[in-house]
Amino acid sequence: LRTSYTLARYTYVEDPNYKGNDIPGAPGQVLATEIRYSHPSGFSLTPSVEWIPQAYFVDSQNTIENNGWTNLSLRAEWSTSYGMTVFAAGQNLTNRNFSQSVQVDNAAGKFFEPADGRSFYAGLRWSPR
């Protein structure tokens, strides 16, 4: 199990224009967690979740918000004794539309960068021993 949680309040302190406003682009809460099951045969399965539970501002005036979101992912791997690993993963398994990153105080008003929709990938990794 691997988990991180951030709880914070980022505000302007001495800025004459924005004193007391939230600093944009910084969510007040962030949770990222994953749990990995590993079998002695070399197989592993890792579901994970990334969660921003509340909206946060994207501009210093604190007038435009990015909504909170949840991203669910899953990764499976099988490693051989020869240094070969086969893996497959899926991201945004619920296929939600959300903005996973933002451009703070963008002069053109283009604040939101959409996350990828549901996606899958697979591959092969070789690490000679």
C-alpha atoms as a PDB file:
ATOM      1  CA  LEU A   1       0.000   0.000   0.000  1.00  0.00           C
ATOM      2  CA  ARG A   2       1.322   3.417  -0.925  1.00  0.00           C
ATOM      3  CA  THR A   3      -0.650   6.525  -0.019  1.00  0.00           C
ATOM      4  CA  SER A   4      -0.069  10.246   0.126  1.00  0.00           C
ATOM      5  CA  TYR A   5      -2.471  12.905   1.305  1.00  0.00           C
ATOM      6  CA  THR A   6      -1.958  16.662   1.251  1.00  0.00           C
ATOM      7  CA  LEU A   7      -4.103  19.105   3.193  1.00  0.00           C
ATOM      8  CA  ALA A   8      -3.046  22.720   2.811  1.00  0.00           C
ATOM      9  CA  ARG A   9      -4.256  26.289   2.472  1.00  0.00           C
ATOM     10  CA  TYR A  10      -2.122  28.380   0.148  1.00  0.00           C
ATOM     11  CA  THR A  11      -2.905  32.108   0.295  1.00  0.00           C
ATOM     12  CA  TYR A  12      -1.340  35.373  -0.748  1.00  0.00           C
ATOM     13  CA  VAL A  13       0.023  37.098   2.364  1.00  0.00           C
ATOM     14  CA  GLU A  14       1.678  40.383   1.424  1.00  0.00           C
ATOM     15  CA  ASP A  15       0.496  40.973  -2.137  1.00  0.00           C
ATOM     16  CA  PRO A  16      -1.374  44.328  -2.272  1.00  0.00           C
ATOM     17  CA  ASN A  17      -3.791  43.123  -4.987  1.00  0.00           C
ATOM     18  CA  TYR A  18      -4.525  39.570  -3.882  1.00  0.00           C
ATOM     19  CA  LYS A  19      -3.900  39.503  -0.107  1.00  0.00           C
ATOM     20  CA  GLY A  20      -6.086  36.799   1.464  1.00  0.00           C
ATOM     21  CA  ASN A  21      -6.907  35.140  -1.873  1.00  0.00           C
ATOM     22  CA  ASP A  22      -6.053  31.506  -2.486  1.00  0.00           C
ATOM     23  CA  ILE A  23      -2.963  30.949  -4.609  1.00  0.00           C
ATOM     24  CA  PRO A  24      -4.272  29.586  -7.924  1.00  0.00           C
ATOM     25  CA  GLY A  25      -3.518  26.111  -9.228  1.00  0.00           C
ATOM     26  CA  ALA A  26      -2.984  24.586  -5.779  1.00  0.00           C
ATOM     27  CA  PRO A  27      -5.753  22.247  -4.610  1.00  0.00           C
ATOM     28  CA  GLY A  28      -6.395  22.257  -0.873  1.00  0.00           C
ATOM     29  CA  GLN A  29      -6.601  18.474  -0.720  1.00  0.00           C
ATOM     30  CA  VAL A  30      -4.931  15.775  -2.807  1.00  0.00           C
ATOM     31  CA  LEU A  31      -5.096  12.021  -2.224  1.00  0.00           C
ATOM     32  CA  ALA A  32      -3.082   9.528  -4.251  1.00  0.00           C
ATOM     33  CA  THR A  33      -3.126   5.880  -3.292  1.00  0.00           C
ATOM     34  CA  GLU A  34      -2.364   2.497  -4.759  1.00  0.00           C
ATOM     35  CA  ILE A  35      -2.319  -1.039  -3.499  1.00  0.00           C
ATOM     36  CA  ARG A  36      -0.131  -3.632  -5.147  1.00  0.00           C
ATOM     37  CA  TYR A  37      -0.675  -7.360  -5.003  1.00  0.00           C
ATOM     38  CA  SER A  38       2.384  -9.409  -6.000  1.00  0.00           C
ATOM     39  CA  HIS A  39       2.261 -13.158  -6.505  1.00  0.00           C
ATOM     40  CA  PRO A  40       5.429 -15.298  -6.236  1.00  0.00           C
ATOM     41  CA  SER A  41       4.923 -16.353  -9.873  1.00  0.00           C
ATOM     42  CA  GLY A  42       5.873 -12.820 -10.965  1.00  0.00           C
ATOM     43  CA  PHE A  43       2.353 -11.517 -11.541  1.00  0.00           C
ATOM     44  CA  SER A  44       1.285  -8.237  -9.951  1.00  0.00           C
ATOM     45  CA  LEU A  45      -1.870  -6.145 -10.024  1.00  0.00           C
ATOM     46  CA  THR A  46      -1.970  -2.484  -8.955  1.00  0.00           C
ATOM     47  CA  PRO A  47      -5.193  -0.474  -8.795  1.00  0.00           C
ATOM     48  CA  SER A  48      -4.752   3.217  -7.997  1.00  0.00           C
ATOM     49  CA  VAL A  49      -6.822   6.326  -7.374  1.00  0.00           C
ATOM     50  CA  GLU A  50      -5.975  10.009  -7.580  1.00  0.00           C
ATOM     51  CA  TRP A  51      -8.574  12.290  -5.944  1.00  0.00           C
ATOM     52  CA  ILE A  52      -8.978  16.056  -5.774  1.00  0.00           C
ATOM     53  CA  PRO A  53     -12.181  16.330  -3.704  1.00  0.00           C
ATOM     54  CA  GLN A  54     -12.825  20.076  -4.033  1.00  0.00           C
ATOM     55  CA  ALA A  55     -12.676  22.786  -6.667  1.00  0.00           C
ATOM     56  CA  TYR A  56      -9.698  25.156  -6.620  1.00  0.00           C
ATOM     57  CA  PHE A  57      -9.033  28.514  -8.235  1.00  0.00           C
ATOM     58  CA  VAL A  58      -7.021  28.923 -11.432  1.00  0.00           C
ATOM     59  CA  ASP A  59      -6.726  32.727 -11.374  1.00  0.00           C
ATOM     60  CA  SER A  60      -5.302  35.084  -8.766  1.00  0.00           C
ATOM     61  CA  GLN A  61      -8.568  37.028  -8.554  1.00  0.00           C
ATOM     62  CA  ASN A  62     -10.238  33.781  -7.347  1.00  0.00           C
ATOM     63  CA  THR A  63     -13.091  34.030  -9.841  1.00  0.00           C
ATOM     64  CA  ILE A  64     -12.556  30.877 -11.964  1.00  0.00           C
ATOM     65  CA  GLU A  65     -12.426  27.355 -10.508  1.00  0.00           C
ATOM     66  CA  ASN A  66     -11.315  23.947 -11.689  1.00  0.00           C
ATOM     67  CA  ASN A  67     -13.675  21.288 -10.379  1.00  0.00           C
ATOM     68  CA  GLY A  68     -12.440  18.455  -8.215  1.00  0.00           C
ATOM     69  CA  TRP A  69     -12.019  15.063  -9.868  1.00  0.00           C
ATOM     70  CA  THR A  70     -11.197  11.395  -9.393  1.00  0.00           C
ATOM     71  CA  ASN A  71      -8.991   9.282 -11.647  1.00  0.00           C
ATOM     72  CA  LEU A  72      -9.007   5.479 -11.380  1.00  0.00           C
ATOM     73  CA  SER A  73      -6.261   3.373 -12.939  1.00  0.00           C
ATOM     74  CA  LEU A  74      -5.181  -0.267 -13.045  1.00  0.00           C
ATOM     75  CA  ARG A  75      -1.840  -1.858 -13.968  1.00  0.00           C
ATOM     76  CA  ALA A  76      -1.011  -5.554 -14.387  1.00  0.00           C
ATOM     77  CA  GLU A  77       2.500  -6.990 -14.823  1.00  0.00           C
ATOM     78  CA  TRP A  78       4.105 -10.360 -15.231  1.00  0.00           C
ATOM     79  CA  SER A  79       7.862 -10.617 -14.701  1.00  0.00           C
ATOM     80  CA  THR A  80       9.942 -13.608 -15.742  1.00  0.00           C
ATOM     81  CA  SER A  81      13.194 -14.837 -14.262  1.00  0.00           C
ATOM     82  CA  TYR A  82      14.926 -13.795 -17.518  1.00  0.00           C
ATOM     83  CA  GLY A  83      14.442 -10.077 -16.857  1.00  0.00           C
ATOM     84  CA  MET A  84      11.416  -9.776 -19.156  1.00  0.00           C
ATOM     85  CA  THR A  85       8.280  -7.978 -17.954  1.00  0.00           C
ATOM     86  CA  VAL A  86       4.990  -7.807 -19.823  1.00  0.00           C
ATOM     87  CA  PHE A  87       2.596  -5.119 -18.659  1.00  0.00           C
ATOM     88  CA  ALA A  88      -0.791  -3.630 -19.461  1.00  0.00           C
ATOM     89  CA  ALA A  89      -2.558  -0.668 -17.895  1.00  0.00           C
ATOM     90  CA  GLY A  90      -5.671   1.439 -18.118  1.00  0.00           C
ATOM     91  CA  GLN A  91      -6.071   5.091 -17.119  1.00  0.00           C
ATOM     92  CA  ASN A  92      -9.230   7.126 -16.403  1.00  0.00           C
ATOM     93  CA  LEU A  93     -11.244   3.913 -16.288  1.00  0.00           C
ATOM     94  CA  THR A  94     -14.500   5.794 -15.626  1.00  0.00           C
ATOM     95  CA  ASN A  95     -13.916   7.871 -18.796  1.00  0.00           C
ATOM     96  CA  ARG A  96     -14.765  11.138 -17.018  1.00  0.00           C
ATOM     97  CA  ASN A  97     -14.162  14.525 -18.610  1.00  0.00           C
ATOM     98  CA  PHE A  98     -12.024  16.639 -16.284  1.00  0.00           C
ATOM     99  CA  SER A  99      -9.088  19.013 -16.266  1.00  0.00           C
ATOM    100  CA  GLN A 100      -6.125  17.244 -14.683  1.00  0.00           C
ATOM    101  CA  SER A 101      -3.849  20.261 -15.001  1.00  0.00           C
ATOM    102  CA  VAL A 102      -4.321  24.006 -15.424  1.00  0.00           C
ATOM    103  CA  GLN A 103      -2.490  27.067 -16.693  1.00  0.00           C
ATOM    104  CA  VAL A 104      -2.550  29.592 -13.898  1.00  0.00           C
ATOM    105  CA  ASP A 105      -3.481  33.208 -14.739  1.00  0.00           C
ATOM    106  CA  ASN A 106      -3.491  32.524 -18.476  1.00  0.00           C
ATOM    107  CA  ALA A 107      -3.885  35.904 -20.210  1.00  0.00           C
ATOM    108  CA  ALA A 108      -5.972  34.382 -23.021  1.00  0.00           C
ATOM    109  CA  GLY A 109      -8.375  32.752 -20.557  1.00  0.00           C
ATOM    110  CA  LYS A 110      -7.279  29.251 -21.577  1.00  0.00           C
ATOM    111  CA  PHE A 111      -6.897  27.791 -18.079  1.00  0.00           C
ATOM    112  CA  PHE A 112      -7.973  24.186 -18.473  1.00  0.00           C
ATOM    113  CA  GLU A 113      -5.971  21.284 -19.933  1.00  0.00           C
ATOM    114  CA  PRO A 114      -8.232  18.264 -20.383  1.00  0.00           C
ATOM    115  CA  ALA A 115      -7.160  14.850 -19.143  1.00  0.00           C
ATOM    116  CA  ASP A 116      -7.027  11.953 -21.560  1.00  0.00           C
ATOM    117  CA  GLY A 117     -10.197   9.919 -21.818  1.00  0.00           C
ATOM    118  CA  ARG A 118     -10.200   6.240 -20.982  1.00  0.00           C
ATOM    119  CA  SER A 119      -6.983   4.805 -22.358  1.00  0.00           C
ATOM    120  CA  PHE A 120      -5.133   1.515 -22.395  1.00  0.00           C
ATOM    121  CA  TYR A 121      -1.571   0.589 -23.177  1.00  0.00           C
ATOM    122  CA  ALA A 122       0.616  -2.479 -23.053  1.00  0.00           C
ATOM    123  CA  GLY A 123       4.271  -3.163 -23.433  1.00  0.00           C
ATOM    124  CA  LEU A 124       7.316  -5.270 -22.892  1.00  0.00           C
ATOM    125  CA  ARG A 125      10.328  -4.317 -20.801  1.00  0.00           C
ATOM    126  CA  TRP A 126      13.605  -6.210 -20.778  1.00  0.00           C
ATOM    127  CA  SER A 127      16.284  -5.710 -18.143  1.00  0.00           C
ATOM    128  CA  PRO A 128      19.135  -8.164 -18.680  1.00  0.00           C
ATOM    129  CA  ARG A 129      20.410  -9.562 -15.436  1.00  0.00           C
END
